[in-house]
Amino acid sequence: MSIMKLAFHLQSHISFKTINIINMKYYIHTIIIIMILLHSAYAESDIEKYKNNYSAQLIPLLKERMGSELEMQSEADAHEHVSILANKMASCQLIAIEDYPQKYQDASINPIVNGISLKKANDDLNSIIQTDIKNGNITDQELMTITQAAIEKYKVCLSESDLNLGNPPE
């Protein structure tokens, strides 16, 4: 085989390998993008489940608490008002817990996504936090700082809404 033929053969062989590497990188990137999109869709699905379950459990409590305020409305209007408020409260709750450690966010969100009651989820989260304080994983002061920031975020979120929290729509 002449040197020219050998060089041409090597060049075509290298180019083929380079193309395969580029294709392989393309396929890997495509797979990663698909995985990210699936995870994002899964996360969005969990957020919607959280909001739905949170709201569904909160609606009866709000109706009871706002009883006299809702009496002036038709049942449908009262339910709509309370539903909007419960959905907003669920969204604001998610915003409020963003600064908590991931462990506490998961303990707050996952049980609700899975249909556990708000009370049980809250009790379980409190147990986790108490254990972490006892074990020195978080201090009372750190927890207080995070909690105060969360309360402020929650209040700001609710106040930025178009809801009139004290008075139902007429």
Foldseek 3Di string as FASTA:
>chain_A
DDPVVVVVVVVVVVVVVVVVVVVVVVVVVVVVVVVVVVVVVVVVLLLVLLLVLQLVLCLVVVCVVCVVLLVVDDPVLSSVLSSVVSSLLSVLLLVLCPPPPPVLSCLQRVCSSVNHHNVVSVVVSVVVVVVCCVVVVDDPVRVVVSNVSSVVSSVVSVVPDPRPVNHRDD
